[in-house]
PDB file of N, CA and C in Angstrom:
ATOM      1  N   MET A   1    -137.347-199.009  52.957  1.00  0.00           N
ATOM      2  CA  MET A   1    -136.136-199.118  52.329  1.00  0.00           C
ATOM      3  C   MET A   1    -135.358-198.963  52.670  1.00  0.00           C
ATOM      4  N   GLN A   2    -134.129-199.557  52.907  1.00  0.00           N
ATOM      5  CA  GLN A   2    -133.087-199.311  53.300  1.00  0.00           C
ATOM      6  C   GLN A   2    -131.698-198.833  52.523  1.00  0.00           C
ATOM      7  N   ILE A   3    -130.917-198.557  52.003  1.00  0.00           N
ATOM      8  CA  ILE A   3    -129.517-198.042  50.931  1.00  0.00           C
ATOM      9  C   ILE A   3    -128.188-199.606  51.901  1.00  0.00           C
ATOM     10  N   LEU A   4    -128.296-200.323  51.722  1.00  0.00           N
ATOM     11  CA  LEU A   4    -126.957-201.375  51.973  1.00  0.00           C
ATOM     12  C   LEU A   4    -126.287-201.460  50.536  1.00  0.00           C
ATOM     13  N   GLN A   5    -124.944-202.371  51.091  1.00  0.00           N
ATOM     14  CA  GLN A   5    -124.199-202.865  50.221  1.00  0.00           C
ATOM     15  C   GLN A   5    -124.068-203.641  49.438  1.00  0.00           C
ATOM     16  N   VAL A   6    -123.498-205.041  48.564  1.00  0.00           N
ATOM     17  CA  VAL A   6    -123.795-206.440  48.416  1.00  0.00           C
ATOM     18  C   VAL A   6    -122.850-206.358  48.437  1.00  0.00           C
ATOM     19  N   LYS A   7    -122.116-207.828  48.845  1.00  0.00           N
ATOM     20  CA  LYS A   7    -121.193-208.419  49.504  1.00  0.00           C
ATOM     21  C   LYS A   7    -120.298-209.264  48.959  1.00  0.00           C
ATOM     22  N   LYS A   8    -122.286-210.533  49.576  1.00  0.00           N
ATOM     23  CA  LYS A   8    -121.964-211.836  48.169  1.00  0.00           C
ATOM     24  C   LYS A   8    -122.535-212.613  47.531  1.00  0.00           C
ATOM     25  N   GLN A   9    -122.667-213.274  46.324  1.00  0.00           N
ATOM     26  CA  GLN A   9    -123.765-214.103  46.466  1.00  0.00           C
ATOM     27  C   GLN A   9    -123.909-215.720  47.704  1.00  0.00           C
ATOM     28  N   LEU A  10    -124.767-215.980  47.906  1.00  0.00           N
ATOM     29  CA  LEU A  10    -123.863-217.198  48.537  1.00  0.00           C
ATOM     30  C   LEU A  10    -125.144-218.607  47.511  1.00  0.00           C
ATOM     31  N   VAL A  11    -124.209-219.268  48.061  1.00  0.00           N
ATOM     32  CA  VAL A  11    -124.069-220.302  47.294  1.00  0.00           C
ATOM     33  C   VAL A  11    -125.243-221.664  48.241  1.00  0.00           C
ATOM     34  N   LEU A  12    -126.295-222.358  47.462  1.00  0.00           N
ATOM     35  CA  LEU A  12    -127.085-222.958  47.974  1.00  0.00           C
ATOM     36  C   LEU A  12    -126.991-224.583  47.582  1.00  0.00           C
ATOM     37  N   THR A  13    -126.779-225.790  48.513  1.00  0.00           N
ATOM     38  CA  THR A  13    -126.870-226.893  47.920  1.00  0.00           C
ATOM     39  C   THR A  13    -128.287-227.680  47.137  1.00  0.00           C
ATOM     40  N   SER A  14    -128.823-226.618  48.164  1.00  0.00           N
ATOM     41  CA  SER A  14    -130.046-226.899  48.590  1.00  0.00           C
ATOM     42  C   SER A  14    -131.632-226.477  49.059  1.00  0.00           C
ATOM     43  N   ARG A  15    -132.160-225.764  49.261  1.00  0.00           N
ATOM     44  CA  ARG A  15    -133.028-224.497  49.530  1.00  0.00           C
ATOM     45  C   ARG A  15    -134.522-225.610  49.120  1.00  0.00           C
ATOM     46  N   LEU A  16    -135.613-224.747  49.833  1.00  0.00           N
ATOM     47  CA  LEU A  16    -136.613-224.381  49.956  1.00  0.00           C
ATOM     48  C   LEU A  16    -137.588-225.104  48.226  1.00  0.00           C
ATOM     49  N   ASP A  17    -138.288-225.418  48.019  1.00  0.00           N
ATOM     50  CA  ASP A  17    -139.000-224.843  46.517  1.00  0.00           C
ATOM     51  C   ASP A  17    -139.724-224.266  47.031  1.00  0.00           C
ATOM     52  N   ASP A  18    -140.137-223.165  48.336  1.00  0.00           N
ATOM     53  CA  ASP A  18    -141.236-221.813  47.916  1.00  0.00           C
ATOM     54  C   ASP A  18    -140.465-220.327  47.924  1.00  0.00           C
ATOM     55  N   LEU A  19    -138.688-220.473  48.446  1.00  0.00           N
ATOM     56  CA  LEU A  19    -136.864-219.793  48.499  1.00  0.00           C
ATOM     57  C   LEU A  19    -137.148-219.707  46.947  1.00  0.00           C
ATOM     58  N   GLY A  20    -138.112-220.431  45.414  1.00  0.00           N
ATOM     59  CA  GLY A  20    -137.922-220.229  44.625  1.00  0.00           C
ATOM     60  C   GLY A  20    -136.584-220.464  44.213  1.00  0.00           C
ATOM     61  N   HIS A  21    -135.863-219.512  42.864  1.00  0.00           N
ATOM     62  CA  HIS A  21    -135.042-219.738  41.771  1.00  0.00           C
ATOM     63  C   HIS A  21    -133.636-218.201  42.062  1.00  0.00           C
ATOM     64  N   LEU A  22    -133.793-217.498  42.726  1.00  0.00           N
ATOM     65  CA  LEU A  22    -133.158-216.657  42.707  1.00  0.00           C
ATOM     66  C   LEU A  22    -133.063-216.257  43.652  1.00  0.00           C
ATOM     67  N   PRO A  23    -131.733-215.763  42.723  1.00  0.00           N
ATOM     68  CA  PRO A  23    -130.013-215.559  43.510  1.00  0.00           C
ATOM     69  C   PRO A  23    -130.030-214.543  45.211  1.00  0.00           C
ATOM     70  N   LEU A  24    -129.075-215.352  45.840  1.00  0.00           N
ATOM     71  CA  LEU A  24    -129.594-213.846  47.270  1.00  0.00           C
ATOM     72  C   LEU A  24    -128.237-213.463  47.485  1.00  0.00           C
ATOM     73  N   LYS A  25    -128.250-212.400  47.653  1.00  0.00           N
ATOM     74  CA  LYS A  25    -127.310-211.533  48.368  1.00  0.00           C
ATOM     75  C   LYS A  25    -126.848-211.117  49.648  1.00  0.00           C
ATOM     76  N   THR A  26    -126.089-211.521  50.232  1.00  0.00           N
ATOM     77  CA  THR A  26    -125.833-209.970  51.687  1.00  0.00           C
ATOM     78  C   THR A  26    -125.441-209.723  51.368  1.00  0.00           C
ATOM     79  N   LEU A  27    -126.379-208.742  52.579  1.00  0.00           N
ATOM     80  CA  LEU A  27    -126.221-206.643  52.532  1.00  0.00           C
ATOM     81  C   LEU A  27    -124.548-207.217  52.968  1.00  0.00           C
ATOM     82  N   SER A  28    -124.649-205.740  53.878  1.00  0.00           N
ATOM     83  CA  SER A  28    -124.554-205.005  54.897  1.00  0.00           C
ATOM     84  C   SER A  28    -124.511-203.562  55.006  1.00  0.00           C
ATOM     85  N   SER A  29    -124.434-203.235  55.910  1.00  0.00           N
ATOM     86  CA  SER A  29    -125.817-200.955  56.014  1.00  0.00           C
ATOM     87  C   SER A  29    -124.023-201.221  56.573  1.00  0.00           C
ATOM     88  N   GLU A  30    -124.264-199.854  56.620  1.00  0.00           N
ATOM     89  CA  GLU A  30    -123.245-198.844  57.187  1.00  0.00           C
ATOM     90  C   GLU A  30    -122.377-199.009  58.362  1.00  0.00           C
ATOM     91  N   SER A  31    -123.958-199.247  59.084  1.00  0.00           N
ATOM     92  CA  SER A  31    -123.043-199.880  60.709  1.00  0.00           C
ATOM     93  C   SER A  31    -122.493-201.117  60.736  1.00  0.00           C
ATOM     94  N   GLY A  32    -122.615-202.105  59.948  1.00  0.00           N
ATOM     95  CA  GLY A  32    -121.647-203.173  59.687  1.00  0.00           C
ATOM     96  C   GLY A  32    -122.940-203.914  60.483  1.00  0.00           C
ATOM     97  N   GLU A  33    -124.421-204.433  59.861  1.00  0.00           N
ATOM     98  CA  GLU A  33    -125.297-205.210  59.777  1.00  0.00           C
ATOM     99  C   GLU A  33    -125.432-206.025  58.757  1.00  0.00           C
ATOM    100  N   THR A  34    -124.925-207.180  59.206  1.00  0.00           N
ATOM    101  CA  THR A  34    -125.562-208.076  57.359  1.00  0.00           C
ATOM    102  C   THR A  34    -126.599-208.517  57.323  1.00  0.00           C
ATOM    103  N   LEU A  35    -126.750-208.605  56.006  1.00  0.00           N
ATOM    104  CA  LEU A  35    -128.485-209.339  55.791  1.00  0.00           C
ATOM    105  C   LEU A  35    -129.101-210.578  54.800  1.00  0.00           C
ATOM    106  N   VAL A  36    -130.162-210.708  54.526  1.00  0.00           N
ATOM    107  CA  VAL A  36    -129.949-212.071  53.831  1.00  0.00           C
ATOM    108  C   VAL A  36    -130.880-211.085  52.176  1.00  0.00           C
ATOM    109  N   ALA A  37    -130.889-211.103  51.461  1.00  0.00           N
ATOM    110  CA  ALA A  37    -131.982-210.785  50.426  1.00  0.00           C
ATOM    111  C   ALA A  37    -132.156-211.367  49.067  1.00  0.00           C
ATOM    112  N   MET A  38    -133.103-210.974  48.351  1.00  0.00           N
ATOM    113  CA  MET A  38    -133.440-212.597  47.264  1.00  0.00           C
ATOM    114  C   MET A  38    -133.037-210.746  46.331  1.00  0.00           C
ATOM    115  N   ASP A  39    -132.536-211.261  44.434  1.00  0.00           N
ATOM    116  CA  ASP A  39    -132.029-210.502  44.376  1.00  0.00           C
ATOM    117  C   ASP A  39    -132.308-210.664  42.673  1.00  0.00           C
ATOM    118  N   PRO A  40    -133.790-209.892  42.633  1.00  0.00           N
ATOM    119  CA  PRO A  40    -133.995-210.183  41.186  1.00  0.00           C
ATOM    120  C   PRO A  40    -133.577-209.215  39.808  1.00  0.00           C
ATOM    121  N   VAL A  41    -132.756-208.383  40.746  1.00  0.00           N
ATOM    122  CA  VAL A  41    -131.454-207.467  39.692  1.00  0.00           C
ATOM    123  C   VAL A  41    -130.701-207.737  39.111  1.00  0.00           C
ATOM    124  N   GLY A  42    -129.896-208.524  39.395  1.00  0.00           N
ATOM    125  CA  GLY A  42    -128.685-208.730  39.025  1.00  0.00           C
ATOM    126  C   GLY A  42    -127.223-208.040  40.136  1.00  0.00           C
ATOM    127  N   THR A  43    -126.889-208.264  40.408  1.00  0.00           N
ATOM    128  CA  THR A  43    -126.393-207.368  41.163  1.00  0.00           C
ATOM    129  C   THR A  43    -125.198-207.364  41.415  1.00  0.00           C
ATOM    130  N   LYS A  44    -123.564-207.156  41.673  1.00  0.00           N
ATOM    131  CA  LYS A  44    -122.482-207.765  41.958  1.00  0.00           C
ATOM    132  C   LYS A  44    -121.845-206.537  43.025  1.00  0.00           C
ATOM    133  N   GLU A  45    -120.874-207.793  43.414  1.00  0.00           N
ATOM    134  CA  GLU A  45    -120.342-207.372  44.793  1.00  0.00           C
ATOM    135  C   GLU A  45    -119.461-206.144  44.952  1.00  0.00           C
ATOM    136  N   GLY A  46    -120.263-205.166  46.269  1.00  0.00           N
ATOM    137  CA  GLY A  46    -119.755-203.160  45.707  1.00  0.00           C
ATOM    138  C   GLY A  46    -120.729-202.566  45.847  1.00  0.00           C
ATOM    139  N   ASP A  47    -122.283-203.003  45.032  1.00  0.00           N
ATOM    140  CA  ASP A  47    -123.207-202.678  44.730  1.00  0.00           C
ATOM    141  C   ASP A  47    -123.732-201.627  45.760  1.00  0.00           C
ATOM    142  N   TRP A  48    -124.245-200.446  45.564  1.00  0.00           N
ATOM    143  CA  TRP A  48    -124.868-199.859  46.561  1.00  0.00           C
ATOM    144  C   TRP A  48    -126.315-200.597  45.957  1.00  0.00           C
ATOM    145  N   VAL A  49    -126.874-200.451  46.608  1.00  0.00           N
ATOM    146  CA  VAL A  49    -128.667-201.573  46.851  1.00  0.00           C
ATOM    147  C   VAL A  49    -129.756-200.550  47.765  1.00  0.00           C
ATOM    148  N   PHE A  50    -131.088-200.262  46.614  1.00  0.00           N
ATOM    149  CA  PHE A  50    -132.186-199.714  47.751  1.00  0.00           C
ATOM    150  C   PHE A  50    -132.355-201.249  48.043  1.00  0.00           C
ATOM    151  N   THR A  51    -132.990-201.839  48.979  1.00  0.00           N
ATOM    152  CA  THR A  51    -134.220-202.930  49.728  1.00  0.00           C
ATOM    153  C   THR A  51    -134.976-202.346  49.645  1.00  0.00           C
ATOM    154  N   ILE A  52    -136.650-203.677  49.095  1.00  0.00           N
ATOM    155  CA  ILE A  52    -137.541-203.569  50.160  1.00  0.00           C
ATOM    156  C   ILE A  52    -138.519-204.772  51.093  1.00  0.00           C
ATOM    157  N   ALA A  53    -138.405-204.212  52.154  1.00  0.00           N
ATOM    158  CA  ALA A  53    -138.509-205.025  53.363  1.00  0.00           C
ATOM    159  C   ALA A  53    -140.803-205.645  53.263  1.00  0.00           C
ATOM    160  N   ASN A  54    -140.145-206.840  53.862  1.00  0.00           N
ATOM    161  CA  ASN A  54    -142.070-207.628  54.596  1.00  0.00           C
ATOM    162  C   ASN A  54    -142.577-207.895  53.707  1.00  0.00           C
ATOM    163  N   SER A  55    -143.324-207.890  53.371  1.00  0.00           N
ATOM    164  CA  SER A  55    -144.649-208.875  52.391  1.00  0.00           C
ATOM    165  C   SER A  55    -144.376-208.043  51.254  1.00  0.00           C
ATOM    166  N   ALA A  56    -144.243-206.543  51.402  1.00  0.00           N
ATOM    167  CA  ALA A  56    -143.614-205.326  50.284  1.00  0.00           C
ATOM    168  C   ALA A  56    -142.767-206.608  48.872  1.00  0.00           C
ATOM    169  N   ALA A  57    -141.735-207.591  50.152  1.00  0.00           N
ATOM    170  CA  ALA A  57    -140.421-207.701  49.296  1.00  0.00           C
ATOM    171  C   ALA A  57    -141.417-209.334  48.262  1.00  0.00           C
ATOM    172  N   ARG A  58    -142.324-209.743  49.141  1.00  0.00           N
ATOM    173  CA  ARG A  58    -142.469-210.271  47.642  1.00  0.00           C
ATOM    174  C   ARG A  58    -143.160-209.578  46.503  1.00  0.00           C
ATOM    175  N   ASP A  59    -143.480-208.893  46.362  1.00  0.00           N
ATOM    176  CA  ASP A  59    -144.573-208.594  45.173  1.00  0.00           C
ATOM    177  C   ASP A  59    -142.939-208.185  44.093  1.00  0.00           C
ATOM    178  N   ALA A  60    -142.322-207.452  45.482  1.00  0.00           N
ATOM    179  CA  ALA A  60    -140.787-207.064  44.280  1.00  0.00           C
ATOM    180  C   ALA A  60    -140.032-208.068  43.571  1.00  0.00           C
ATOM    181  N   ALA A  61    -140.342-209.510  44.287  1.00  0.00           N
ATOM    182  CA  ALA A  61    -139.378-210.721  43.903  1.00  0.00           C
ATOM    183  C   ALA A  61    -140.134-210.968  43.057  1.00  0.00           C
ATOM    184  N   GLY A  62    -141.419-210.878  43.103  1.00  0.00           N
ATOM    185  CA  GLY A  62    -141.831-211.200  41.305  1.00  0.00           C
ATOM    186  C   GLY A  62    -142.947-211.749  41.384  1.00  0.00           C
ATOM    187  N   ASP A  63    -142.943-212.406  43.203  1.00  0.00           N
ATOM    188  CA  ASP A  63    -143.669-214.272  43.014  1.00  0.00           C
ATOM    189  C   ASP A  63    -144.350-213.721  44.458  1.00  0.00           C
ATOM    190  N   LYS A  64    -145.428-213.323  45.254  1.00  0.00           N
ATOM    191  CA  LYS A  64    -146.636-213.794  46.196  1.00  0.00           C
ATOM    192  C   LYS A  64    -146.050-214.436  46.919  1.00  0.00           C
ATOM    193  N   ARG A  65    -145.728-215.338  46.535  1.00  0.00           N
ATOM    194  CA  ARG A  65    -145.859-216.989  47.298  1.00  0.00           C
ATOM    195  C   ARG A  65    -144.530-217.679  47.484  1.00  0.00           C
ATOM    196  N   LEU A  66    -143.294-216.577  46.757  1.00  0.00           N
ATOM    197  CA  LEU A  66    -142.302-216.653  47.637  1.00  0.00           C
ATOM    198  C   LEU A  66    -141.504-216.190  48.795  1.00  0.00           C
ATOM    199  N   LEU A  67    -141.041-217.000  49.760  1.00  0.00           N
ATOM    200  CA  LEU A  67    -140.254-216.602  50.818  1.00  0.00           C
ATOM    201  C   LEU A  67    -139.544-216.080  51.370  1.00  0.00           C
ATOM    202  N   THR A  68    -140.027-213.951  52.084  1.00  0.00           N
ATOM    203  CA  THR A  68    -138.733-213.726  51.676  1.00  0.00           C
ATOM    204  C   THR A  68    -139.410-212.463  52.940  1.00  0.00           C
ATOM    205  N   ASP A  69    -137.748-212.126  53.038  1.00  0.00           N
ATOM    206  CA  ASP A  69    -139.243-210.603  53.863  1.00  0.00           C
ATOM    207  C   ASP A  69    -138.130-209.591  53.991  1.00  0.00           C
ATOM    208  N   LEU A  70    -137.018-209.735  52.774  1.00  0.00           N
ATOM    209  CA  LEU A  70    -135.518-208.875  51.511  1.00  0.00           C
ATOM    210  C   LEU A  70    -136.276-208.831  50.213  1.00  0.00           C
ATOM    211  N   THR A  71    -136.159-208.197  49.320  1.00  0.00           N
ATOM    212  CA  THR A  71    -135.905-207.876  47.775  1.00  0.00           C
ATOM    213  C   THR A  71    -134.747-207.191  47.597  1.00  0.00           C
ATOM    214  N   VAL A  72    -133.972-206.951  47.003  1.00  0.00           N
ATOM    215  CA  VAL A  72    -133.278-205.825  45.781  1.00  0.00           C
ATOM    216  C   VAL A  72    -133.921-205.500  44.828  1.00  0.00           C
ATOM    217  N   GLY A  73    -134.052-203.962  45.276  1.00  0.00           N
ATOM    218  CA  GLY A  73    -135.408-203.429  44.232  1.00  0.00           C
ATOM    219  C   GLY A  73    -134.452-202.621  43.573  1.00  0.00           C
ATOM    220  N   GLY A  74    -133.506-202.486  43.683  1.00  0.00           N
ATOM    221  CA  GLY A  74    -132.413-201.467  42.050  1.00  0.00           C
ATOM    222  C   GLY A  74    -131.436-201.543  42.720  1.00  0.00           C
ATOM    223  N   ILE A  75    -130.395-201.282  41.434  1.00  0.00           N
ATOM    224  CA  ILE A  75    -128.820-201.025  41.866  1.00  0.00           C
ATOM    225  C   ILE A  75    -128.698-199.139  41.706  1.00  0.00           C
ATOM    226  N   ILE A  76    -128.238-198.520  42.914  1.00  0.00           N
ATOM    227  CA  ILE A  76    -127.994-197.132  43.055  1.00  0.00           C
ATOM    228  C   ILE A  76    -126.736-196.988  42.517  1.00  0.00           C
ATOM    229  N   ASP A  77    -126.527-195.685  41.463  1.00  0.00           N
ATOM    230  CA  ASP A  77    -124.938-195.835  40.812  1.00  0.00           C
ATOM    231  C   ASP A  77    -124.619-193.926  41.588  1.00  0.00           C
ATOM    232  N   GLN A  78    -123.694-194.023  42.316  1.00  0.00           N
ATOM    233  CA  GLN A  78    -123.060-192.835  43.212  1.00  0.00           C
ATOM    234  C   GLN A  78    -122.971-192.757  43.852  1.00  0.00           C
ATOM    235  N   TRP A  79    -123.056-193.760  45.088  1.00  0.00           N
ATOM    236  CA  TRP A  79    -123.122-194.480  46.418  1.00  0.00           C
ATOM    237  C   TRP A  79    -122.214-194.119  47.320  1.00  0.00           C
ATOM    238  N   PRO A  80    -121.763-194.175  48.347  1.00  0.00           N
ATOM    239  CA  PRO A  80    -122.217-192.684  48.924  1.00  0.00           C
ATOM    240  C   PRO A  80    -121.700-191.820  48.258  1.00  0.00           C
ATOM    241  N   PRO A  81    -122.909-190.594  48.188  1.00  0.00           N
ATOM    242  CA  PRO A  81    -122.482-189.246  48.006  1.00  0.00           C
ATOM    243  C   PRO A  81    -121.666-188.683  48.390  1.00  0.00           C
ATOM    244  N   GLU A  82    -120.279-187.430  47.072  1.00  0.00           N
ATOM    245  CA  GLU A  82    -119.068-186.989  47.371  1.00  0.00           C
ATOM    246  C   GLU A  82    -118.945-186.217  48.499  1.00  0.00           C
ATOM    247  N   GLU A  83    -118.214-185.893  48.838  1.00  0.00           N
ATOM    248  CA  GLU A  83    -118.208-185.479  49.654  1.00  0.00           C
ATOM    249  C   GLU A  83    -116.430-184.435  49.437  1.00  0.00           C
ATOM    250  N   HIS A  84    -117.389-183.228  49.855  1.00  0.00           N
ATOM    251  CA  HIS A  84    -116.731-181.631  49.773  1.00  0.00           C
ATOM    252  C   HIS A  84    -115.285-180.987  50.295  1.00  0.00           C
TER     253      HIS A  84
END
C-alpha cells in the first residue's frame, strides 16, 4: 500500500474493454512520482488516498478480469498529519 494524493481524472476517448469503465486518476507521491490508478471510491482532486497494488488491485477494483495494477482503496481524512 502507498499513500498518494489525487491530482486529476484522466479523460479517455477510447479504451480496451478489459479496462472496464471505472474512472482513472493520476496520483502523486510525496516524492513527486506520478502514477495512474482505477478509482472505484469516487475521489476528487487533492484527496489523500491509500492504494492497493499488483494482483490485489484487480479485486479492489471489483472485478478480477479488469486490467489494473493500482486501485484506490479509500480516502484518508486529515493527511498529512498536522505538525505541532
